[in-house]
Amino acid sequence: MTVEQAQSVKELLMQCQGTIPANLVHPLFNEYKAHISPGATMPCTCSPKSWNEILAQLKDKVETTLSEAQVF
């Protein structure tokens, strides 16, 4: 994940306050597949535990990418 991609994903994640807006479900999952788990299948939107895990993993990846960029 590049710094630019991390910033873009961070902007998407910031729009998720308590729930994931319907228009962000596919973009967030596409980012998850691209950067974390390429073989993943999208869970049902009625499965909050799975989505919370996806969001947490994306957030961790974004934070790691951005913090590593600041070191250099």
N, C-alpha and C. Protein backbone atom coordinates (compact mmCIF):
# COMPACT_ATOMS: atom_id res chain seq x y z
N MET A 1 0.85 -1.17 0.00
CA MET A 1 0.00 0.00 0.00
C MET A 1 0.89 1.24 0.00
N THR A 2 0.62 2.12 -0.92
CA THR A 2 1.38 3.36 -0.98
C THR A 2 0.79 4.37 0.01
N VAL A 3 1.53 5.43 0.24
CA VAL A 3 1.06 6.48 1.14
C VAL A 3 -0.22 7.10 0.58
N GLU A 4 -0.26 7.31 -0.72
CA GLU A 4 -1.45 7.89 -1.35
C GLU A 4 -2.66 6.98 -1.19
N GLN A 5 -2.45 5.68 -1.36
CA GLN A 5 -3.55 4.73 -1.17
C GLN A 5 -3.99 4.73 0.29
N ALA A 6 -3.04 4.77 1.20
CA ALA A 6 -3.37 4.78 2.63
C ALA A 6 -4.19 6.02 2.98
N GLN A 7 -3.84 7.14 2.43
CA GLN A 7 -4.59 8.36 2.70
C GLN A 7 -6.01 8.26 2.14
N SER A 8 -6.14 7.67 0.98
CA SER A 8 -7.46 7.49 0.36
C SER A 8 -8.33 6.56 1.21
N VAL A 9 -7.76 5.45 1.66
CA VAL A 9 -8.50 4.51 2.49
C VAL A 9 -8.85 5.16 3.83
N LYS A 10 -7.94 5.95 4.37
CA LYS A 10 -8.21 6.64 5.63
C LYS A 10 -9.42 7.56 5.49
N GLU A 11 -9.54 8.24 4.36
CA GLU A 11 -10.69 9.10 4.12
C GLU A 11 -11.99 8.28 4.09
N LEU A 12 -11.93 7.10 3.50
CA LEU A 12 -13.12 6.23 3.49
C LEU A 12 -13.46 5.79 4.91
N LEU A 13 -12.45 5.38 5.66
CA LEU A 13 -12.68 4.89 7.02
C LEU A 13 -13.24 5.98 7.93
N MET A 14 -12.84 7.22 7.69
CA MET A 14 -13.32 8.32 8.52
C MET A 14 -14.81 8.57 8.33
N GLN A 15 -15.36 8.09 7.23
CA GLN A 15 -16.79 8.26 6.97
C GLN A 15 -17.64 7.19 7.66
N CYS A 16 -16.98 6.23 8.28
CA CYS A 16 -17.69 5.14 8.97
C CYS A 16 -17.76 5.45 10.46
N GLN A 17 -18.84 6.06 10.85
CA GLN A 17 -19.05 6.41 12.25
C GLN A 17 -20.21 5.58 12.79
N GLY A 18 -19.90 4.43 13.35
CA GLY A 18 -20.93 3.55 13.88
C GLY A 18 -21.47 2.57 12.86
N THR A 19 -21.65 3.02 11.64
CA THR A 19 -22.12 2.15 10.56
C THR A 19 -21.31 2.45 9.30
N ILE A 20 -21.37 1.54 8.37
CA ILE A 20 -20.71 1.75 7.09
C ILE A 20 -21.78 2.24 6.12
N PRO A 21 -21.61 3.43 5.58
CA PRO A 21 -22.58 3.90 4.59
C PRO A 21 -22.65 2.92 3.40
N ALA A 22 -23.85 2.72 2.90
CA ALA A 22 -24.05 1.73 1.83
C ALA A 22 -23.15 1.97 0.63
N ASN A 23 -22.88 3.23 0.31
CA ASN A 23 -22.05 3.52 -0.86
C ASN A 23 -20.57 3.23 -0.63
N LEU A 24 -20.18 2.89 0.61
CA LEU A 24 -18.78 2.58 0.89
C LEU A 24 -18.50 1.09 1.08
N VAL A 25 -19.55 0.27 1.10
CA VAL A 25 -19.37 -1.16 1.34
C VAL A 25 -18.43 -1.77 0.30
N HIS A 26 -18.72 -1.58 -0.97
CA HIS A 26 -17.89 -2.17 -2.02
C HIS A 26 -16.51 -1.53 -2.10
N PRO A 27 -16.39 -0.20 -2.04
CA PRO A 27 -15.05 0.38 -2.08
C PRO A 27 -14.16 -0.08 -0.93
N LEU A 28 -14.71 -0.17 0.27
CA LEU A 28 -13.92 -0.64 1.41
C LEU A 28 -13.52 -2.10 1.24
N PHE A 29 -14.45 -2.92 0.78
CA PHE A 29 -14.10 -4.32 0.59
C PHE A 29 -13.08 -4.50 -0.52
N ASN A 30 -13.18 -3.70 -1.57
CA ASN A 30 -12.18 -3.77 -2.65
C ASN A 30 -10.79 -3.40 -2.13
N GLU A 31 -10.70 -2.41 -1.26
CA GLU A 31 -9.41 -2.05 -0.66
C GLU A 31 -8.90 -3.18 0.22
N TYR A 32 -9.80 -3.81 0.97
CA TYR A 32 -9.43 -4.94 1.82
C TYR A 32 -8.85 -6.07 0.98
N LYS A 33 -9.53 -6.40 -0.12
CA LYS A 33 -9.04 -7.46 -1.00
C LYS A 33 -7.70 -7.08 -1.63
N ALA A 34 -7.55 -5.85 -2.01
CA ALA A 34 -6.33 -5.42 -2.69
C ALA A 34 -5.12 -5.40 -1.77
N HIS A 35 -5.31 -5.07 -0.51
CA HIS A 35 -4.16 -4.83 0.36
C HIS A 35 -4.01 -5.82 1.52
N ILE A 36 -5.04 -6.61 1.79
CA ILE A 36 -4.95 -7.48 2.96
C ILE A 36 -5.23 -8.94 2.63
N SER A 37 -6.35 -9.21 1.99
CA SER A 37 -6.75 -10.60 1.76
C SER A 37 -7.32 -10.78 0.35
N PRO A 38 -6.44 -10.99 -0.63
CA PRO A 38 -6.89 -11.07 -2.03
C PRO A 38 -7.95 -12.14 -2.31
N GLY A 39 -7.95 -13.22 -1.58
CA GLY A 39 -8.90 -14.30 -1.85
C GLY A 39 -10.19 -14.21 -1.07
N ALA A 40 -10.38 -13.14 -0.32
CA ALA A 40 -11.56 -13.01 0.54
C ALA A 40 -12.84 -12.87 -0.27
N THR A 41 -13.92 -13.36 0.33
CA THR A 41 -15.24 -13.14 -0.25
C THR A 41 -15.99 -12.17 0.67
N MET A 42 -16.77 -11.30 0.06
CA MET A 42 -17.45 -10.27 0.83
C MET A 42 -18.49 -10.88 1.76
N PRO A 43 -18.40 -10.54 3.05
CA PRO A 43 -19.39 -11.06 3.98
C PRO A 43 -20.72 -10.31 3.81
N CYS A 44 -21.74 -10.90 4.32
CA CYS A 44 -23.06 -10.28 4.30
C CYS A 44 -23.00 -8.98 5.11
N THR A 45 -23.70 -7.98 4.67
CA THR A 45 -23.71 -6.72 5.42
C THR A 45 -24.43 -6.88 6.75
N CYS A 46 -25.09 -8.00 6.96
CA CYS A 46 -25.76 -8.26 8.24
C CYS A 46 -24.81 -8.93 9.24
N SER A 47 -23.52 -8.99 8.89
CA SER A 47 -22.52 -9.63 9.74
C SER A 47 -21.56 -8.58 10.31
N PRO A 48 -21.97 -7.87 11.38
CA PRO A 48 -21.14 -6.79 11.89
C PRO A 48 -19.77 -7.25 12.40
N LYS A 49 -19.68 -8.45 12.94
CA LYS A 49 -18.39 -8.93 13.44
C LYS A 49 -17.37 -9.00 12.31
N SER A 50 -17.76 -9.55 11.18
CA SER A 50 -16.85 -9.66 10.04
C SER A 50 -16.45 -8.29 9.53
N TRP A 51 -17.40 -7.38 9.44
CA TRP A 51 -17.10 -6.03 8.95
C TRP A 51 -16.24 -5.25 9.94
N ASN A 52 -16.45 -5.45 11.23
CA ASN A 52 -15.59 -4.79 12.21
C ASN A 52 -14.15 -5.27 12.08
N GLU A 53 -13.97 -6.57 11.81
CA GLU A 53 -12.63 -7.11 11.61
C GLU A 53 -12.00 -6.53 10.34
N ILE A 54 -12.78 -6.42 9.28
CA ILE A 54 -12.27 -5.84 8.02
C ILE A 54 -11.83 -4.41 8.26
N LEU A 55 -12.68 -3.62 8.92
CA LEU A 55 -12.35 -2.23 9.19
C LEU A 55 -11.11 -2.11 10.08
N ALA A 56 -11.01 -2.96 11.09
CA ALA A 56 -9.86 -2.93 11.99
C ALA A 56 -8.57 -3.26 11.23
N GLN A 57 -8.61 -4.26 10.36
CA GLN A 57 -7.43 -4.63 9.59
C GLN A 57 -7.04 -3.53 8.61
N LEU A 58 -8.02 -2.90 7.99
CA LEU A 58 -7.73 -1.79 7.09
C LEU A 58 -7.11 -0.63 7.86
N LYS A 59 -7.68 -0.32 9.01
CA LYS A 59 -7.16 0.78 9.83
C LYS A 59 -5.71 0.50 10.24
N ASP A 60 -5.44 -0.72 10.67
CA ASP A 60 -4.07 -1.08 11.06
C ASP A 60 -3.11 -0.93 9.89
N LYS A 61 -3.51 -1.38 8.72
CA LYS A 61 -2.66 -1.29 7.52
C LYS A 61 -2.40 0.17 7.17
N VAL A 62 -3.43 1.00 7.24
CA VAL A 62 -3.29 2.43 6.94
C VAL A 62 -2.33 3.08 7.94
N GLU A 63 -2.54 2.81 9.22
CA GLU A 63 -1.70 3.41 10.25
C GLU A 63 -0.25 2.98 10.11
N THR A 64 -0.03 1.71 9.81
CA THR A 64 1.33 1.20 9.62
C THR A 64 1.99 1.87 8.42
N THR A 65 1.27 1.94 7.32
CA THR A 65 1.81 2.55 6.11
C THR A 65 2.17 4.02 6.34
N LEU A 66 1.26 4.76 6.98
CA LEU A 66 1.51 6.18 7.20
C LEU A 66 2.62 6.42 8.23
N SER A 67 2.68 5.58 9.25
CA SER A 67 3.74 5.77 10.25
C SER A 67 5.11 5.41 9.69
N GLU A 68 5.18 4.40 8.83
CA GLU A 68 6.45 4.04 8.20
C GLU A 68 6.92 5.16 7.25
N ALA A 69 5.97 5.81 6.61
CA ALA A 69 6.31 6.90 5.70
C ALA A 69 6.88 8.09 6.46
N GLN A 70 6.41 8.31 7.68
CA GLN A 70 6.88 9.43 8.48
C GLN A 70 8.29 9.19 8.99
N VAL A 71 8.70 7.93 9.12
CA VAL A 71 10.04 7.60 9.60
C VAL A 71 11.08 8.06 8.60
N PHE A 72 10.76 7.95 7.31
CA PHE A 72 11.71 8.33 6.26
C PHE A 72 11.64 9.76 6.03
